[in-house]
């Protein structure tokens, strides 16, 4: 994965360990369609637009992702 030190951190998911928890960032220097960045603990990342991220949040709030959640 490329350096994330220039990205603006928004949220850390987990945060209870030192495993390299998944994180949400904003990349102000990226094109608008790649400004939201989600990293995982395997060194990978996904980039998307704010509209795409908003759609993901709406689906999560509506329960469409509940079957993916692991207890």
PDB file of N, CA and C in Angstrom:
ATOM      1  N   UNK A   1       0.853  -1.175   0.000  1.00  0.00           N
ATOM      2  CA  UNK A   1       0.000   0.000   0.000  1.00  0.00           C
ATOM      3  C   UNK A   1       0.894   1.231   0.000  1.00  0.00           C
ATOM      4  N   UNK A   2       0.437   2.298  -0.613  1.00  0.00           N
ATOM      5  CA  UNK A   2       1.193   3.534  -0.616  1.00  0.00           C
ATOM      6  C   UNK A   2       1.090   4.217   0.734  1.00  0.00           C
ATOM      7  N   UNK A   3       1.930   5.211   0.924  1.00  0.00           N
ATOM      8  CA  UNK A   3       1.976   5.951   2.179  1.00  0.00           C
ATOM      9  C   UNK A   3       0.642   6.640   2.454  1.00  0.00           C
ATOM     10  N   UNK A   4       0.152   6.504   3.682  1.00  0.00           N
ATOM     11  CA  UNK A   4      -1.120   7.128   4.050  1.00  0.00           C
ATOM     12  C   UNK A   4      -0.928   8.329   4.978  1.00  0.00           C
ATOM     13  N   UNK A   5       0.320   8.737   5.186  1.00  0.00           N
ATOM     14  CA  UNK A   5       0.580   9.818   6.140  1.00  0.00           C
ATOM     15  C   UNK A   5      -0.022  11.152   5.713  1.00  0.00           C
ATOM     16  N   UNK A   6      -0.279  11.343   4.425  1.00  0.00           N
ATOM     17  CA  UNK A   6      -0.861  12.604   3.960  1.00  0.00           C
ATOM     18  C   UNK A   6      -2.385  12.602   3.980  1.00  0.00           C
ATOM     19  N   UNK A   7      -2.987  11.463   4.334  1.00  0.00           N
ATOM     20  CA  UNK A   7      -4.442  11.360   4.353  1.00  0.00           C
ATOM     21  C   UNK A   7      -5.012  11.868   5.673  1.00  0.00           C
ATOM     22  N   UNK A   8      -6.201  12.442   5.616  1.00  0.00           N
ATOM     23  CA  UNK A   8      -6.887  12.939   6.809  1.00  0.00           C
ATOM     24  C   UNK A   8      -7.677  11.802   7.447  1.00  0.00           C
ATOM     25  N   UNK A   9      -7.285  11.355   8.662  1.00  0.00           N
ATOM     26  CA  UNK A   9      -8.015  10.263   9.308  1.00  0.00           C
ATOM     27  C   UNK A   9      -9.408  10.700   9.748  1.00  0.00           C
ATOM     28  N   UNK A  10     -10.382   9.795   9.580  1.00  0.00           N
ATOM     29  CA  UNK A  10     -11.764  10.064   9.967  1.00  0.00           C
ATOM     30  C   UNK A  10     -12.213   9.101  11.058  1.00  0.00           C
ATOM     31  N   UNK A  11     -11.934   7.804  10.877  1.00  0.00           N
ATOM     32  CA  UNK A  11     -12.386   6.803  11.849  1.00  0.00           C
ATOM     33  C   UNK A  11     -11.475   5.578  11.797  1.00  0.00           C
ATOM     34  N   UNK A  12     -11.358   4.917  12.950  1.00  0.00           N
ATOM     35  CA  UNK A  12     -10.666   3.635  13.046  1.00  0.00           C
ATOM     36  C   UNK A  12     -11.681   2.609  13.496  1.00  0.00           C
ATOM     37  N   UNK A  13     -11.730   1.491  12.793  1.00  0.00           N
ATOM     38  CA  UNK A  13     -12.681   0.433  13.101  1.00  0.00           C
ATOM     39  C   UNK A  13     -11.949  -0.670  13.854  1.00  0.00           C
ATOM     40  N   UNK A  14     -12.315  -0.888  15.048  1.00  0.00           N
ATOM     41  CA  UNK A  14     -11.711  -1.820  16.003  1.00  0.00           C
ATOM     42  C   UNK A  14     -11.009  -0.969  17.036  1.00  0.00           C
ATOM     43  N   UNK A  15      -9.762  -0.653  16.817  1.00  0.00           N
ATOM     44  CA  UNK A  15      -9.050   0.226  17.723  1.00  0.00           C
ATOM     45  C   UNK A  15      -8.687  -0.381  19.056  1.00  0.00           C
ATOM     46  N   UNK A  16      -8.967  -1.664  19.239  1.00  0.00           N
ATOM     47  CA  UNK A  16      -8.685  -2.313  20.512  1.00  0.00           C
ATOM     48  C   UNK A  16      -7.416  -3.144  20.470  1.00  0.00           C
ATOM     49  N   UNK A  17      -6.633  -2.979  19.424  1.00  0.00           N
ATOM     50  CA  UNK A  17      -5.439  -3.800  19.287  1.00  0.00           C
ATOM     51  C   UNK A  17      -4.407  -3.061  18.445  1.00  0.00           C
ATOM     52  N   UNK A  18      -3.300  -3.716  18.188  1.00  0.00           N
ATOM     53  CA  UNK A  18      -2.251  -3.153  17.343  1.00  0.00           C
ATOM     54  C   UNK A  18      -2.122  -3.945  16.045  1.00  0.00           C
ATOM     55  N   UNK A  19      -3.252  -4.372  15.506  1.00  0.00           N
ATOM     56  CA  UNK A  19      -3.245  -5.238  14.317  1.00  0.00           C
ATOM     57  C   UNK A  19      -3.257  -4.455  13.012  1.00  0.00           C
ATOM     58  N   UNK A  20      -3.233  -3.138  13.071  1.00  0.00           N
ATOM     59  CA  UNK A  20      -3.386  -2.364  11.847  1.00  0.00           C
ATOM     60  C   UNK A  20      -4.839  -2.285  11.462  1.00  0.00           C
ATOM     61  N   UNK A  21      -5.672  -1.939  12.390  1.00  0.00           N
ATOM     62  CA  UNK A  21      -7.129  -1.928  12.224  1.00  0.00           C
ATOM     63  C   UNK A  21      -7.555  -1.187  10.955  1.00  0.00           C
ATOM     64  N   UNK A  22      -8.670  -1.602  10.357  1.00  0.00           N
ATOM     65  CA  UNK A  22      -9.205  -0.872   9.212  1.00  0.00           C
ATOM     66  C   UNK A  22      -9.480   0.588   9.580  1.00  0.00           C
ATOM     67  N   UNK A  23      -9.228   1.475   8.633  1.00  0.00           N
ATOM     68  CA  UNK A  23      -9.403   2.900   8.881  1.00  0.00           C
ATOM     69  C   UNK A  23     -10.080   3.571   7.702  1.00  0.00           C
ATOM     70  N   UNK A  24     -10.723   4.702   7.989  1.00  0.00           N
ATOM     71  CA  UNK A  24     -11.372   5.543   6.987  1.00  0.00           C
ATOM     72  C   UNK A  24     -10.624   6.857   6.921  1.00  0.00           C
ATOM     73  N   UNK A  25     -10.279   7.281   5.708  1.00  0.00           N
ATOM     74  CA  UNK A  25      -9.544   8.520   5.497  1.00  0.00           C
ATOM     75  C   UNK A  25     -10.204   9.346   4.400  1.00  0.00           C
ATOM     76  N   UNK A  26      -9.850  10.624   4.356  1.00  0.00           N
ATOM     77  CA  UNK A  26     -10.183  11.500   3.236  1.00  0.00           C
ATOM     78  C   UNK A  26      -8.867  11.928   2.609  1.00  0.00           C
ATOM     79  N   UNK A  27      -8.773  11.793   1.294  1.00  0.00           N
ATOM     80  CA  UNK A  27      -7.600  12.218   0.541  1.00  0.00           C
ATOM     81  C   UNK A  27      -7.987  13.457  -0.245  1.00  0.00           C
ATOM     82  N   UNK A  28      -7.692  14.613   0.304  1.00  0.00           N
ATOM     83  CA  UNK A  28      -8.073  15.890  -0.322  1.00  0.00           C
ATOM     84  C   UNK A  28      -7.363  16.123  -1.648  1.00  0.00           C
ATOM     85  N   UNK A  29      -6.253  15.433  -1.888  1.00  0.00           N
ATOM     86  CA  UNK A  29      -5.493  15.638  -3.128  1.00  0.00           C
ATOM     87  C   UNK A  29      -5.941  14.706  -4.249  1.00  0.00           C
ATOM     88  N   UNK A  30      -6.777  13.723  -3.954  1.00  0.00           N
ATOM     89  CA  UNK A  30      -7.227  12.755  -4.954  1.00  0.00           C
ATOM     90  C   UNK A  30      -8.355  13.333  -5.804  1.00  0.00           C
ATOM     91  N   UNK A  31      -8.553  12.772  -6.989  1.00  0.00           N
ATOM     92  CA  UNK A  31      -9.726  13.172  -7.784  1.00  0.00           C
ATOM     93  C   UNK A  31     -11.000  12.882  -6.990  1.00  0.00           C
ATOM     94  N   UNK A  32     -12.062  13.605  -7.255  1.00  0.00           N
ATOM     95  CA  UNK A  32     -13.307  13.485  -6.490  1.00  0.00           C
ATOM     96  C   UNK A  32     -13.847  12.053  -6.456  1.00  0.00           C
ATOM     97  N   UNK A  33     -13.617  11.284  -7.514  1.00  0.00           N
ATOM     98  CA  UNK A  33     -14.142   9.919  -7.548  1.00  0.00           C
ATOM     99  C   UNK A  33     -13.286   8.920  -6.765  1.00  0.00           C
ATOM    100  N   UNK A  34     -12.215   9.401  -6.115  1.00  0.00           N
ATOM    101  CA  UNK A  34     -11.327   8.522  -5.337  1.00  0.00           C
ATOM    102  C   UNK A  34     -10.944   9.137  -3.991  1.00  0.00           C
ATOM    103  N   UNK A  35     -11.718  10.090  -3.506  1.00  0.00           N
ATOM    104  CA  UNK A  35     -11.343  10.868  -2.330  1.00  0.00           C
ATOM    105  C   UNK A  35     -11.524  10.141  -1.000  1.00  0.00           C
ATOM    106  N   UNK A  36     -12.491   9.233  -0.899  1.00  0.00           N
ATOM    107  CA  UNK A  36     -12.716   8.476   0.337  1.00  0.00           C
ATOM    108  C   UNK A  36     -11.865   7.210   0.258  1.00  0.00           C
ATOM    109  N   UNK A  37     -11.073   6.974   1.298  1.00  0.00           N
ATOM    110  CA  UNK A  37     -10.144   5.844   1.309  1.00  0.00           C
ATOM    111  C   UNK A  37     -10.426   4.982   2.533  1.00  0.00           C
ATOM    112  N   UNK A  38     -10.601   3.686   2.309  1.00  0.00           N
ATOM    113  CA  UNK A  38     -10.745   2.725   3.406  1.00  0.00           C
ATOM    114  C   UNK A  38      -9.571   1.762   3.309  1.00  0.00           C
ATOM    115  N   UNK A  39      -8.819   1.643   4.397  1.00  0.00           N
ATOM    116  CA  UNK A  39      -7.700   0.702   4.438  1.00  0.00           C
ATOM    117  C   UNK A  39      -8.077  -0.498   5.290  1.00  0.00           C
ATOM    118  N   UNK A  40      -7.423  -1.636   5.033  1.00  0.00           N
ATOM    119  CA  UNK A  40      -7.646  -2.812   5.866  1.00  0.00           C
ATOM    120  C   UNK A  40      -6.351  -3.195   6.569  1.00  0.00           C
ATOM    121  N   UNK A  41      -6.419  -4.227   7.381  1.00  0.00           N
ATOM    122  CA  UNK A  41      -5.244  -4.623   8.148  1.00  0.00           C
ATOM    123  C   UNK A  41      -4.299  -5.524   7.357  1.00  0.00           C
ATOM    124  N   UNK A  42      -4.547  -5.692   6.060  1.00  0.00           N
ATOM    125  CA  UNK A  42      -3.672  -6.472   5.199  1.00  0.00           C
ATOM    126  C   UNK A  42      -2.862  -5.585   4.260  1.00  0.00           C
ATOM    127  N   UNK A  43      -2.960  -4.275   4.439  1.00  0.00           N
ATOM    128  CA  UNK A  43      -2.212  -3.351   3.613  1.00  0.00           C
ATOM    129  C   UNK A  43      -2.895  -2.976   2.309  1.00  0.00           C
ATOM    130  N   UNK A  44      -4.161  -3.305   2.182  1.00  0.00           N
ATOM    131  CA  UNK A  44      -4.913  -2.962   0.980  1.00  0.00           C
ATOM    132  C   UNK A  44      -5.769  -1.721   1.232  1.00  0.00           C
ATOM    133  N   UNK A  45      -6.266  -1.131   0.147  1.00  0.00           N
ATOM    134  CA  UNK A  45      -7.175   0.003   0.312  1.00  0.00           C
ATOM    135  C   UNK A  45      -8.172   0.075  -0.824  1.00  0.00           C
ATOM    136  N   UNK A  46      -9.301   0.693  -0.504  1.00  0.00           N
ATOM    137  CA  UNK A  46     -10.368   0.926  -1.474  1.00  0.00           C
ATOM    138  C   UNK A  46     -10.562   2.433  -1.538  1.00  0.00           C
ATOM    139  N   UNK A  47     -10.682   2.968  -2.742  1.00  0.00           N
ATOM    140  CA  UNK A  47     -10.930   4.389  -2.920  1.00  0.00           C
ATOM    141  C   UNK A  47     -12.264   4.546  -3.631  1.00  0.00           C
ATOM    142  N   UNK A  48     -13.054   5.534  -3.197  1.00  0.00           N
ATOM    143  CA  UNK A  48     -14.370   5.768  -3.787  1.00  0.00           C
ATOM    144  C   UNK A  48     -14.746   7.233  -3.639  1.00  0.00           C
ATOM    145  N   UNK A  49     -15.787   7.599  -4.327  1.00  0.00           N
ATOM    146  CA  UNK A  49     -16.288   8.972  -4.227  1.00  0.00           C
ATOM    147  C   UNK A  49     -17.111   9.127  -2.951  1.00  0.00           C
ATOM    148  N   UNK A  50     -17.345  10.363  -2.569  1.00  0.00           N
ATOM    149  CA  UNK A  50     -18.191  10.640  -1.406  1.00  0.00           C
ATOM    150  C   UNK A  50     -19.609  10.132  -1.650  1.00  0.00           C
ATOM    151  N   UNK A  51     -20.104  10.232  -2.882  1.00  0.00           N
ATOM    152  CA  UNK A  51     -21.444   9.722  -3.204  1.00  0.00           C
ATOM    153  C   UNK A  51     -21.508   8.208  -3.040  1.00  0.00           C
ATOM    154  N   UNK A  52     -20.488   7.503  -3.508  1.00  0.00           N
ATOM    155  CA  UNK A  52     -20.456   6.048  -3.349  1.00  0.00           C
ATOM    156  C   UNK A  52     -20.413   5.675  -1.872  1.00  0.00           C
ATOM    157  N   UNK A  53     -19.604   6.389  -1.104  1.00  0.00           N
ATOM    158  CA  UNK A  53     -19.507   6.107   0.323  1.00  0.00           C
ATOM    159  C   UNK A  53     -20.842   6.393   1.011  1.00  0.00           C
ATOM    160  N   UNK A  54     -21.494   7.468   0.621  1.00  0.00           N
ATOM    161  CA  UNK A  54     -22.808   7.790   1.172  1.00  0.00           C
ATOM    162  C   UNK A  54     -23.827   6.701   0.894  1.00  0.00           C
ATOM    163  N   UNK A  55     -23.776   6.136  -0.303  1.00  0.00           N
ATOM    164  CA  UNK A  55     -24.670   5.033  -0.650  1.00  0.00           C
ATOM    165  C   UNK A  55     -24.383   3.807   0.219  1.00  0.00           C
ATOM    166  N   UNK A  56     -23.122   3.529   0.463  1.00  0.00           N
ATOM    167  CA  UNK A  56     -22.742   2.424   1.339  1.00  0.00           C
ATOM    168  C   UNK A  56     -23.278   2.637   2.751  1.00  0.00           C
ATOM    169  N   UNK A  57     -23.176   3.844   3.257  1.00  0.00           N
ATOM    170  CA  UNK A  57     -23.680   4.174   4.595  1.00  0.00           C
ATOM    171  C   UNK A  57     -25.197   4.020   4.643  1.00  0.00           C
ATOM    172  N   UNK A  58     -25.893   4.506   3.626  1.00  0.00           N
ATOM    173  CA  UNK A  58     -27.357   4.366   3.575  1.00  0.00           C
ATOM    174  C   UNK A  58     -27.765   2.895   3.600  1.00  0.00           C
ATOM    175  N   UNK A  59     -27.077   2.073   2.815  1.00  0.00           N
ATOM    176  CA  UNK A  59     -27.389   0.639   2.794  1.00  0.00           C
ATOM    177  C   UNK A  59     -27.134   0.002   4.150  1.00  0.00           C
ATOM    178  N   UNK A  60     -26.049   0.394   4.800  1.00  0.00           N
ATOM    179  CA  UNK A  60     -25.744  -0.158   6.125  1.00  0.00           C
ATOM    180  C   UNK A  60     -26.811   0.247   7.138  1.00  0.00           C
ATOM    181  N   UNK A  61     -27.219   1.504   7.108  1.00  0.00           N
ATOM    182  CA  UNK A  61     -28.258   1.965   8.032  1.00  0.00           C
ATOM    183  C   UNK A  61     -29.596   1.281   7.785  1.00  0.00           C
ATOM    184  N   UNK A  62     -29.850   0.922   6.537  1.00  0.00           N
ATOM    185  CA  UNK A  62     -31.110   0.253   6.184  1.00  0.00           C
ATOM    186  C   UNK A  62     -31.071  -1.243   6.483  1.00  0.00           C
ATOM    187  N   UNK A  63     -29.936  -1.738   6.965  1.00  0.00           N
ATOM    188  CA  UNK A  63     -29.824  -3.145   7.331  1.00  0.00           C
ATOM    189  C   UNK A  63     -29.418  -4.058   6.194  1.00  0.00           C
ATOM    190  N   UNK A  64     -29.105  -3.508   5.037  1.00  0.00           N
ATOM    191  CA  UNK A  64     -28.761  -4.344   3.882  1.00  0.00           C
ATOM    192  C   UNK A  64     -27.445  -5.090   4.059  1.00  0.00           C
ATOM    193  N   UNK A  65     -26.626  -4.678   5.006  1.00  0.00           N
ATOM    194  CA  UNK A  65     -25.330  -5.339   5.223  1.00  0.00           C
ATOM    195  C   UNK A  65     -25.324  -6.204   6.476  1.00  0.00           C
ATOM    196  N   UNK A  66     -26.463  -6.319   7.129  1.00  0.00           N
ATOM    197  CA  UNK A  66     -26.521  -7.075   8.392  1.00  0.00           C
ATOM    198  C   UNK A  66     -26.104  -8.532   8.221  1.00  0.00           C
ATOM    199  N   UNK A  67     -26.396  -9.125   7.090  1.00  0.00           N
ATOM    200  CA  UNK A  67     -26.040 -10.531   6.885  1.00  0.00           C
ATOM    201  C   UNK A  67     -24.541 -10.729   6.747  1.00  0.00           C
ATOM    202  N   UNK A  68     -23.799  -9.657   6.505  1.00  0.00           N
ATOM    203  CA  UNK A  68     -22.350  -9.734   6.372  1.00  0.00           C
ATOM    204  C   UNK A  68     -21.673  -9.689   7.736  1.00  0.00           C
ATOM    205  N   UNK A  69     -22.304  -9.063   8.703  1.00  0.00           N
ATOM    206  CA  UNK A  69     -21.712  -8.892  10.031  1.00  0.00           C
ATOM    207  C   UNK A  69     -21.463 -10.236  10.701  1.00  0.00           C
ATOM    208  N   UNK A  70     -20.299 -10.331  11.321  1.00  0.00           N
ATOM    209  CA  UNK A  70     -19.917 -11.537  12.044  1.00  0.00           C
ATOM    210  C   UNK A  70     -20.016 -11.245  13.533  1.00  0.00           C
ATOM    211  N   UNK A  71     -20.689 -12.122  14.243  1.00  0.00           N
ATOM    212  CA  UNK A  71     -20.866 -11.919  15.684  1.00  0.00           C
ATOM    213  C   UNK A  71     -19.628 -12.306  16.451  1.00  0.00           C
TER     214      UNK A  71
END
